[in-house]
Protein backbone atom coordinates (compact mmCIF):
# COMPACT_ATOMS: atom_id res chain seq x y z
CA MET A 1 90.81 -23.19 50.81
CA THR A 2 88.68 -26.38 51.32
CA ARG A 3 86.52 -26.82 54.34
CA ARG A 4 88.95 -29.42 55.88
CA GLY A 5 91.95 -26.90 55.37
CA PHE A 6 89.95 -24.20 56.94
CA ARG A 7 89.15 -26.25 60.00
CA ALA A 8 92.71 -27.24 60.22
CA ARG A 9 93.96 -23.70 60.23
CA TYR A 10 91.30 -22.52 62.65
CA ALA A 11 92.37 -25.44 65.00
CA ARG A 12 96.01 -24.20 64.75
CA GLU A 13 95.04 -20.64 65.56
CA ARG A 14 92.96 -21.57 68.37
CA SER A 15 95.75 -23.76 69.75
CA LYS A 16 98.02 -20.90 69.39
CA ARG A 17 95.72 -18.71 71.26
CA VAL A 18 95.30 -21.13 74.14
CA SER A 19 99.17 -21.64 74.25
CA ILE A 20 99.54 -17.64 74.52
CA ARG A 21 96.74 -17.49 77.02
CA ARG A 22 98.36 -20.13 79.15
CA ASN A 23 101.79 -18.21 78.79
CA VAL A 24 100.14 -15.01 79.89
CA MET A 25 98.61 -16.60 82.91
CA ASN A 26 101.82 -18.24 83.93
CA LEU A 27 103.71 -14.99 83.64
CA SER A 28 101.18 -12.52 84.81
CA LEU A 29 99.57 -14.43 87.78
CA PRO A 30 102.89 -14.33 89.74
CA VAL A 31 103.37 -10.68 88.86
CA LEU A 32 99.76 -10.06 89.91
CA LEU A 33 100.33 -11.77 93.25
CA SER A 34 103.68 -10.01 93.64
CA SER A 35 102.11 -6.58 93.09
CA LEU A 36 99.27 -7.49 95.63
CA PHE A 37 101.70 -8.62 98.21
CA GLN A 38 104.09 -5.65 97.60
CA ARG A 39 101.31 -3.26 98.12
CA LEU A 40 100.25 -5.27 101.26
CA VAL A 41 103.40 -3.98 103.01
CA ALA A 42 101.96 -0.55 102.90
CA ILE A 43 98.38 -1.64 103.58
CA VAL A 44 99.58 -3.51 106.69
CA ASP A 45 101.24 -0.44 107.97
CA ILE A 46 98.11 1.71 107.69
CA PHE A 47 96.05 -1.07 109.21
CA LEU A 48 98.41 -1.72 112.18
CA VAL A 49 98.81 1.97 113.06
CA GLY A 50 95.07 2.44 112.82
CA GLY A 51 94.68 1.82 116.43
CA LEU A 52 96.92 4.78 117.13
CA GLY A 53 94.47 7.28 115.72
CA ALA A 54 93.91 9.41 112.53
CA ALA A 55 97.19 11.31 112.96
CA ALA A 56 99.33 8.13 112.92
CA ILE A 57 97.44 6.93 109.84
CA ALA A 58 98.00 10.22 108.07
CA ALA A 59 101.78 10.25 108.97
CA THR A 60 102.28 6.79 107.89
CA GLY A 61 100.54 7.53 104.54
CA LEU A 62 102.35 10.66 104.14
CA GLY A 63 105.66 8.79 104.58
CA GLN A 64 104.81 6.18 102.18
CA LEU A 65 103.99 8.92 99.80
CA LEU A 66 107.45 10.56 100.04
CA VAL A 67 108.99 7.17 99.59
CA PHE A 68 107.11 6.54 96.46
CA VAL A 69 107.91 9.87 94.96
CA THR A 70 111.72 9.01 95.48
CA MET A 71 111.21 5.62 93.84
CA THR A 72 110.21 7.38 90.47
CA VAL A 73 113.62 7.26 88.94
CA PHE A 74 114.32 3.67 90.10
CA TRP A 75 110.93 2.67 88.47
CA GLY A 76 112.25 4.19 85.22
CA LEU A 77 115.43 2.11 85.60
CA ALA A 78 113.53 -1.03 86.39
CA THR A 79 111.24 -0.54 83.29
CA GLY A 80 114.26 0.02 81.00
CA THR A 81 115.93 -3.04 82.51
CA THR A 82 112.95 -5.33 81.96
CA VAL A 83 112.27 -4.13 78.32
CA VAL A 84 116.05 -4.39 77.26
CA ILE A 85 116.48 -7.75 78.98
CA ALA A 86 113.31 -9.11 77.61
CA HIS A 87 114.30 -7.94 73.95
CA LEU A 88 117.74 -9.65 74.34
CA ARG A 89 116.23 -12.97 75.77
CA GLY A 90 113.65 -13.08 73.02
CA ALA A 91 116.52 -12.65 70.48
CA GLY A 92 118.56 -15.41 72.18
CA GLN A 93 121.34 -13.15 73.49
CA ARG A 94 121.52 -14.55 76.90
CA ARG A 95 125.05 -13.37 77.61
CA GLU A 96 124.24 -9.84 76.76
CA ALA A 97 121.20 -10.18 78.98
CA ARG A 98 123.36 -10.90 81.85
CA ARG A 99 125.60 -8.10 81.29
CA ALA A 100 122.80 -5.76 81.02
CA ALA A 101 121.48 -6.89 84.52
CA PHE A 102 124.97 -6.12 86.11
CA ALA A 103 124.99 -2.70 84.42
CA ALA A 104 121.49 -1.88 85.88
CA CYS A 105 122.52 -3.19 89.41
CA LEU A 106 125.56 -0.97 89.44
CA ALA A 107 123.40 2.15 88.27
CA CYS A 108 120.88 1.33 90.97
CA ALA A 109 123.49 1.31 93.60
CA GLY A 110 124.77 4.73 92.76
CA MET A 111 121.33 6.25 92.46
CA THR A 112 120.29 4.64 95.90
CA ALA A 113 123.16 6.41 97.71
CA ALA A 114 122.13 9.89 96.40
CA ALA A 115 118.40 9.32 97.01
CA SER A 116 119.02 8.13 100.64
CA ALA A 117 120.99 11.31 101.47
CA LEU A 118 118.45 13.59 99.91
CA GLY A 119 115.57 11.91 101.59
CA TRP A 120 117.25 12.04 104.95
CA CYS A 121 118.00 15.69 104.74
CA PHE A 122 114.85 17.05 103.14
CA SER A 123 111.84 14.58 103.88
CA ASP A 124 110.76 16.79 106.88
CA ASP A 125 110.79 20.03 104.88
CA LEU A 126 108.64 18.37 101.99
CA ALA A 127 106.13 17.01 104.59
CA ALA A 128 105.67 20.45 105.94
CA PHE A 129 105.43 21.84 102.52
CA LEU A 130 102.50 19.53 101.85
CA GLY A 131 100.62 21.05 104.75
CA ALA A 132 101.11 18.30 107.42
CA ARG A 133 100.02 19.58 110.76
CA ASP A 134 102.30 19.41 113.86
CA ASP A 135 100.83 16.18 115.25
CA VAL A 136 101.25 14.47 111.88
CA LEU A 137 104.60 15.93 111.13
CA HIS A 138 106.04 14.65 114.36
CA LEU A 139 105.00 11.24 113.79
CA ALA A 140 106.03 11.22 110.08
CA ALA A 141 109.64 12.47 110.92
CA GLY A 142 110.90 9.15 112.49
CA TYR A 143 109.10 6.95 109.96
CA THR A 144 110.47 8.65 106.85
CA ARG A 145 114.10 9.04 108.11
CA LEU A 146 114.30 5.40 108.99
CA VAL A 147 112.89 4.25 105.58
CA PHE A 148 115.23 6.56 103.71
CA LEU A 149 118.27 5.22 105.70
CA TYR A 150 117.75 1.75 104.46
CA LEU A 151 116.27 2.60 101.12
CA ALA A 152 118.80 0.25 99.48
CA PHE A 153 116.78 -2.81 100.40
CA THR A 154 113.69 -1.53 98.62
CA THR A 155 115.54 -0.26 95.52
CA GLY A 156 117.49 -3.63 95.54
CA LEU A 157 114.21 -5.73 95.59
CA ASN A 158 112.98 -3.42 92.85
CA ILE A 159 115.92 -3.87 90.45
CA LEU A 160 116.43 -7.50 90.88
CA SER A 161 112.50 -8.16 90.32
CA ALA A 162 112.84 -6.26 87.20
CA ILE A 163 115.78 -8.36 85.90
CA MET A 164 113.78 -11.42 86.60
CA HIS A 165 110.61 -10.05 85.03
CA GLY A 166 112.62 -9.46 81.80
CA ILE A 167 113.85 -12.99 81.75
CA GLY A 168 110.39 -14.33 82.35
CA ASN A 169 110.97 -15.55 85.85
CA THR A 170 108.03 -14.05 87.77
CA ARG A 171 107.83 -16.58 90.46
CA THR A 172 111.04 -15.88 92.31
CA PRO A 173 110.17 -12.20 92.98
CA MET A 174 106.74 -13.40 94.12
CA GLN A 175 108.34 -15.66 96.59
CA ALA A 176 110.44 -12.86 97.91
CA ILE A 177 107.59 -10.37 98.43
CA ILE A 178 105.51 -13.24 100.17
CA LEU A 179 108.55 -13.66 102.52
CA VAL A 180 108.73 -9.96 103.08
CA ASN A 181 104.89 -9.81 104.03
CA ILE A 182 105.21 -12.60 106.40
CA LEU A 183 108.21 -11.09 108.21
CA HIS A 184 106.79 -7.68 108.20
CA VAL A 185 103.64 -8.68 110.02
CA LEU A 186 105.67 -10.74 112.53
CA ILE A 187 107.98 -7.74 113.32
CA ALA A 188 105.60 -4.81 112.93
CA TRP A 189 102.83 -5.74 115.29
CA PRO A 190 104.97 -6.32 118.57
CA LEU A 191 107.13 -3.17 117.68
CA ILE A 192 104.15 -0.82 117.21
CA TYR A 193 102.17 -1.78 120.32
CA GLY A 194 105.00 -3.13 122.52
CA LYS A 195 103.95 -6.81 122.60
CA LEU A 196 106.21 -9.92 123.35
CA GLY A 197 108.50 -7.85 125.66
CA LEU A 198 109.44 -5.41 122.94
CA PRO A 199 109.15 -1.50 123.40
CA ALA A 200 106.12 0.28 122.05
CA LEU A 201 107.58 2.47 119.16
CA GLY A 202 104.45 3.26 117.37
CA VAL A 203 104.82 4.53 113.87
CA THR A 204 108.67 4.27 114.22
CA GLY A 205 108.14 0.60 114.92
CA ALA A 206 106.41 0.17 111.58
CA ALA A 207 109.35 1.74 109.61
CA ILE A 208 111.75 -0.57 111.49
CA ALA A 209 109.60 -3.56 110.43
CA ILE A 210 109.69 -2.50 106.85
CA ASN A 211 113.46 -2.17 106.76
CA ALA A 212 113.99 -5.62 108.38
CA SER A 213 111.61 -7.45 106.26
CA GLU A 214 112.81 -5.97 102.91
CA ALA A 215 116.40 -6.55 103.93
CA ILE A 216 115.73 -10.37 104.08
CA GLY A 217 113.71 -10.16 100.93
CA PHE A 218 116.51 -8.51 99.04
CA LEU A 219 119.11 -11.00 100.19
CA TYR A 220 116.86 -13.85 99.07
CA LEU A 221 116.51 -12.35 95.65
CA LEU A 222 120.26 -11.62 95.25
CA VAL A 223 121.17 -15.14 96.14
CA GLN A 224 118.61 -16.56 93.63
CA ALA A 225 119.84 -14.31 90.94
CA LEU A 226 123.49 -15.24 91.32
CA ARG A 227 122.62 -18.93 91.70
CA LEU A 228 120.53 -18.91 88.55
CA ASP A 229 123.17 -16.99 86.54
CA TYR A 230 121.08 -14.09 85.84
CA ILE A 231 123.81 -11.56 86.43
CA ARG A 232 127.49 -11.60 84.92
CA ILE A 233 129.76 -9.62 87.20
CA GLY A 234 132.44 -7.78 85.23
CA ARG A 235 133.21 -4.54 83.43
CA PRO A 236 130.20 -2.31 83.27
CA ASP A 237 128.90 -2.17 79.71
CA THR A 238 128.15 1.43 78.86
CA GLY A 239 126.44 0.38 75.54
CA LEU A 240 123.83 -1.62 77.16
CA MET A 241 123.43 0.82 80.07
CA GLY A 242 122.69 3.40 77.36
CA ARG A 243 120.01 1.09 75.84
CA ILE A 244 118.33 0.74 79.32
CA TRP A 245 118.49 4.35 80.06
CA ARG A 246 116.89 5.26 76.53
CA VAL A 247 113.94 3.21 77.47
CA GLY A 248 113.93 4.02 81.19
CA TRP A 249 114.40 7.94 81.35
CA PRO A 250 110.96 8.71 79.99
CA VAL A 251 109.58 6.34 82.45
CA ALA A 252 111.57 8.08 85.14
CA LEU A 253 109.95 11.40 84.05
CA GLU A 254 106.69 9.74 83.89
CA ARG A 255 106.76 8.65 87.37
CA ILE A 256 108.05 11.99 88.48
CA ALA A 257 105.21 13.72 86.73
CA GLN A 258 102.84 11.14 88.38
CA GLN A 259 104.12 11.29 91.84
CA GLY A 260 104.89 15.02 91.71
CA GLY A 261 101.22 15.60 90.60
CA GLN A 262 100.14 13.19 93.30
CA LEU A 263 101.89 15.24 95.96
CA PHE A 264 99.95 18.39 94.96
CA TYR A 265 96.66 16.42 94.79
CA SER A 266 97.38 15.13 98.32
CA LYS A 267 97.84 18.77 99.23
CA PHE A 268 94.42 19.66 98.15
CA ILE A 269 93.00 16.58 100.18
CA ILE A 270 95.02 17.43 103.31
CA GLY A 271 93.47 20.90 103.16
CA TYR A 272 90.07 19.23 104.02
CA GLY A 273 91.48 17.89 107.44
CA THR A 274 93.19 15.00 109.02
CA ALA A 275 90.05 12.83 108.87
CA ALA A 276 89.67 13.54 105.14
CA TYR A 277 93.41 12.61 104.39
CA ALA A 278 93.08 9.49 106.65
CA ALA A 279 90.08 8.32 104.66
CA HIS A 280 92.02 9.07 101.43
CA GLN A 281 94.88 6.92 102.48
CA ILE A 282 92.66 4.05 103.72
CA GLY A 283 90.79 4.27 100.46
CA LEU A 284 93.87 4.16 98.35
CA SER A 285 95.17 1.25 100.45
CA ILE A 286 91.94 -0.78 99.72
CA GLU A 287 91.74 0.38 96.14
CA SER A 288 95.21 -0.83 95.56
CA LEU A 289 93.92 -4.30 95.80
CA SER A 290 92.65 -3.81 92.33
CA PHE A 291 95.13 -1.22 91.35
CA MET A 292 98.27 -3.25 91.91
CA PRO A 293 96.99 -6.29 89.89
CA GLY A 294 96.29 -4.08 87.00
CA ALA A 295 99.85 -2.63 87.24
CA GLY A 296 101.16 -6.24 87.49
CA MET A 297 99.41 -7.01 84.24
CA GLY A 298 101.06 -3.90 82.65
CA ILE A 299 104.40 -5.43 83.69
CA ALA A 300 103.42 -8.75 82.19
CA ALA A 301 102.28 -6.97 79.01
CA ALA A 302 105.64 -5.14 78.68
CA THR A 303 107.65 -8.25 79.17
CA LEU A 304 105.56 -10.40 76.81
CA MET A 305 105.59 -7.67 74.16
CA GLY A 306 109.41 -7.22 74.59
CA GLN A 307 110.18 -10.95 74.18
CA ALA A 308 107.77 -11.37 71.25
CA LEU A 309 109.25 -8.37 69.33
CA GLY A 310 112.83 -9.51 70.20
CA ALA A 311 111.88 -12.87 68.43
CA LYS A 312 110.04 -10.93 65.62
CA LYS A 313 106.74 -12.72 66.51
CA TYR A 314 104.42 -9.84 65.84
CA ARG A 315 101.20 -11.76 65.86
CA ARG A 316 102.11 -13.32 69.10
CA ALA A 317 102.76 -9.75 70.55
CA ARG A 318 99.27 -8.60 69.66
CA ILE A 319 97.47 -11.60 71.06
CA SER A 320 99.59 -11.48 74.35
CA HIS A 321 98.46 -7.98 74.68
CA ARG A 322 94.82 -8.90 74.31
CA GLU A 323 95.05 -11.74 76.80
CA ALA A 324 96.70 -9.40 79.45
CA LEU A 325 93.96 -6.86 78.73
CA ARG A 326 91.22 -9.33 79.25
CA LEU A 327 92.49 -10.53 82.55
CA ALA A 328 93.18 -7.05 83.79
CA VAL A 329 89.49 -5.94 82.93
CA ILE A 330 88.06 -9.17 84.60
CA VAL A 331 90.06 -8.56 87.87
CA MET A 332 89.40 -4.94 88.20
CA GLY A 333 85.84 -5.01 87.01
CA THR A 334 85.22 -7.50 89.93
CA MET A 335 86.83 -5.32 92.44
CA ALA A 336 84.76 -2.37 91.08
CA ALA A 337 81.69 -4.26 92.18
CA VAL A 338 83.09 -4.99 95.47
CA PHE A 339 83.82 -1.29 96.14
CA LEU A 340 80.26 -0.38 95.12
CA THR A 341 78.40 -2.90 97.30
CA VAL A 342 80.46 -3.25 100.55
CA PRO A 343 82.47 -0.10 101.06
CA GLY A 344 81.63 0.40 104.72
CA PRO A 345 82.94 -2.85 105.99
CA LEU A 346 86.17 -2.48 103.94
CA ILE A 347 86.97 0.93 105.49
CA GLY A 348 85.81 -0.49 108.95
CA LEU A 349 88.54 -2.85 108.82
CA PHE A 350 91.08 -0.12 109.25
CA THR A 351 89.49 2.44 111.68
CA ARG A 352 86.56 3.16 113.90
CA ASP A 353 86.52 6.96 113.49
CA PRO A 354 83.07 7.81 112.15
CA ALA A 355 84.28 10.84 110.03
CA VAL A 356 86.96 8.68 108.48
CA ILE A 357 84.45 5.81 107.62
CA GLU A 358 81.91 8.27 106.15
CA ASN A 359 84.49 9.90 103.87
CA GLY A 360 86.09 6.53 102.97
CA ILE A 361 82.74 4.99 101.81
CA VAL A 362 82.17 7.93 99.27
CA PHE A 363 85.92 7.56 98.08
CA LEU A 364 85.50 3.68 97.35
CA ARG A 365 82.29 4.19 95.56
CA LEU A 366 83.72 6.86 93.30
CA VAL A 367 86.87 5.08 92.47
CA ALA A 368 84.88 2.03 91.56
CA PHE A 369 84.01 3.90 88.31
CA ALA A 370 87.60 4.28 87.51
CA GLN A 371 88.58 0.52 87.71
CA VAL A 372 88.02 -0.36 84.04
CA PRO A 373 89.69 2.53 82.50
CA LEU A 374 92.58 1.95 85.00
CA ALA A 375 92.94 -1.65 83.69
CA ILE A 376 92.90 -0.45 80.00
CA SER A 377 95.56 2.26 80.98
CA PHE A 378 97.83 -0.13 82.68
CA VAL A 379 97.85 -2.76 80.04
CA TYR A 380 98.00 -0.39 76.88
CA ALA A 381 100.81 1.57 78.75
CA GLY A 382 102.79 -1.62 79.45
CA SER A 383 102.47 -2.76 75.88
CA LEU A 384 103.61 0.59 74.73
CA ARG A 385 106.57 0.38 76.99
CA GLY A 386 107.37 -3.19 75.73
CA THR A 387 107.64 -1.61 72.23
CA GLY A 388 110.01 1.08 73.50
CA ASP A 389 107.51 3.84 73.17
CA THR A 390 107.92 5.17 76.67
CA PHE A 391 108.13 8.94 75.80
CA TYR A 392 104.52 8.96 74.60
CA VAL A 393 103.46 7.27 77.78
CA PHE A 394 105.45 10.10 79.73
CA LEU A 395 103.92 12.93 77.72
CA VAL A 396 100.34 11.49 78.41
CA THR A 397 100.99 11.06 82.06
CA LEU A 398 102.40 14.64 82.28
CA GLY A 399 99.59 16.16 80.44
CA VAL A 400 96.69 14.47 82.13
CA MET A 401 98.08 14.45 85.71
CA TRP A 402 98.87 18.05 85.62
CA GLY A 403 96.47 19.30 82.94
CA VAL A 404 93.42 17.23 84.24
CA ARG A 405 93.96 15.94 87.87
CA VAL A 406 95.99 18.80 89.41
CA PHE A 407 94.36 21.69 87.57
CA LEU A 408 90.82 20.49 88.07
CA SER A 409 91.46 19.82 91.65
CA TRP A 410 92.76 23.21 92.20
CA VAL A 411 89.75 24.76 90.51
CA ALA A 412 87.49 22.68 92.57
CA SER A 413 89.07 23.23 95.95
CA ASP A 414 90.76 26.66 95.83
CA TRP A 415 88.79 28.57 93.29
CA LEU A 416 85.18 27.17 93.40
CA HIS A 417 85.41 25.82 96.96
CA LEU A 418 83.52 22.64 96.17
CA SER A 419 83.42 19.60 98.51
CA LEU A 420 86.07 17.00 99.05
CA TYR A 421 83.99 14.56 96.96
CA ALA A 422 84.32 16.93 93.91
CA VAL A 423 88.16 16.80 94.13
CA TRP A 424 87.98 12.93 94.48
CA GLY A 425 85.77 12.88 91.40
CA VAL A 426 88.66 14.43 89.35
CA PHE A 427 90.50 11.16 89.85
CA VAL A 428 87.82 9.23 87.85
CA ILE A 429 88.09 11.78 85.00
CA ASP A 430 91.94 11.45 84.97
CA TRP A 431 91.76 7.93 84.18
CA TYR A 432 89.34 7.96 81.50
CA VAL A 433 91.28 10.33 79.55
CA ARG A 434 94.49 8.33 79.91
CA ALA A 435 92.80 4.99 78.75
CA ALA A 436 91.58 6.88 75.55
CA ALA A 437 95.11 8.32 74.91
CA PHE A 438 96.84 5.02 75.24
CA TRP A 439 94.31 3.06 73.26
CA TRP A 440 94.68 5.49 70.34
CA ARG A 441 98.49 5.26 70.42
CA TYR A 442 98.60 1.45 70.39
CA ARG A 443 96.08 1.21 67.63
CA ARG A 444 98.46 3.32 65.53
CA ARG A 445 101.72 1.50 66.49
CA ASP A 446 103.48 -0.38 63.80
CA LEU A 447 105.21 -3.26 65.63
CA HIS A 448 107.29 -4.17 62.60
CA ALA A 449 109.09 -0.80 62.92
CA VAL A 450 110.05 -1.26 66.50
CA ILE A 451 113.78 -0.85 67.33
CA ILE A 452 115.11 -1.12 71.00
């Protein structure tokens, strides 16, 4: 090849990388912002009830944890929906993509009815099993029952966002979640503290605010999905539903393994007292400012990988993965530096309790060291899901969550009787192991052999 030919080829390759990088940014930035704003609903709840004391913080955090556990199956359905629709759209099968979206909505509706009933009946028993003390249990009861009663709005937002992510429209879900956040703040503050002539409902007021704001966000997404013709209403397509579930069921099991392990991990933290668990919840809320963008990049990686493989553009799939990984590492690495340098002021935004602040500072400095492996894990897992390799991601999550985090936390707390900080340190070890496992699998994955 002549020098001129080499330069022309290099220019074409560089132009392609710039185009893909721009595509990654256009897709992932709204997902990043959506993830941040979605998590902000929970963060704002913790922030607003902080003035009611450590018990209110712990109760709200516990209620949120129970909802997250319940959402595991729905996240599996959402991931399967995103990947299958992305493949169909990449292959130019738009009609089939709309039919897949309708099948996913029907499945979501049936699963929501069952989850709401189970959550209403058994959430109190589960909170008691986790070791919540009477003051926390009493406050958590009203919060969790109301959230489970109107769970359909949460799951509806989830599945409609997944449909739009698979299509490549990440801006509309972002708009919906921003709307939810604005309404949530406007409703929650007066209901919690009895402002503007409303009754002071405390923790229960926070639950009402979540339900009302998510109901409006769900309706907004539903109207947009129908207007843009993303969903074709008709007879359910069992074949497409089967494809969605083949991708999604390992994700559901993965989330069950993750959240089930998180429940046991939280049980070890609760054993160190209410102040320790309150610090844990505040720390997680702050840490999610980096956690959720990383998760958003994982969603973007899954969508871009699915669309590229559906179109049989394998080089584009690889480059899209690298660009998503680069952005995730930059964002989460920056947040790691923030957690290391100014943890005190961040914790102080949520509480004035000295014991909670002291513990929270240590927590944030520890999780700072997990930010880069978290970024690697999210993007590599997202890309693997985009190839349909969801079962491997499930196996890694199951093995590491229970074999590393839960087991080592049990050894540290119940067997060796080490400090709270040792149990938190296990969190960091967990994510380094996952990052290595996902990296190894992706490096060995043959994209040409992928069939969804």
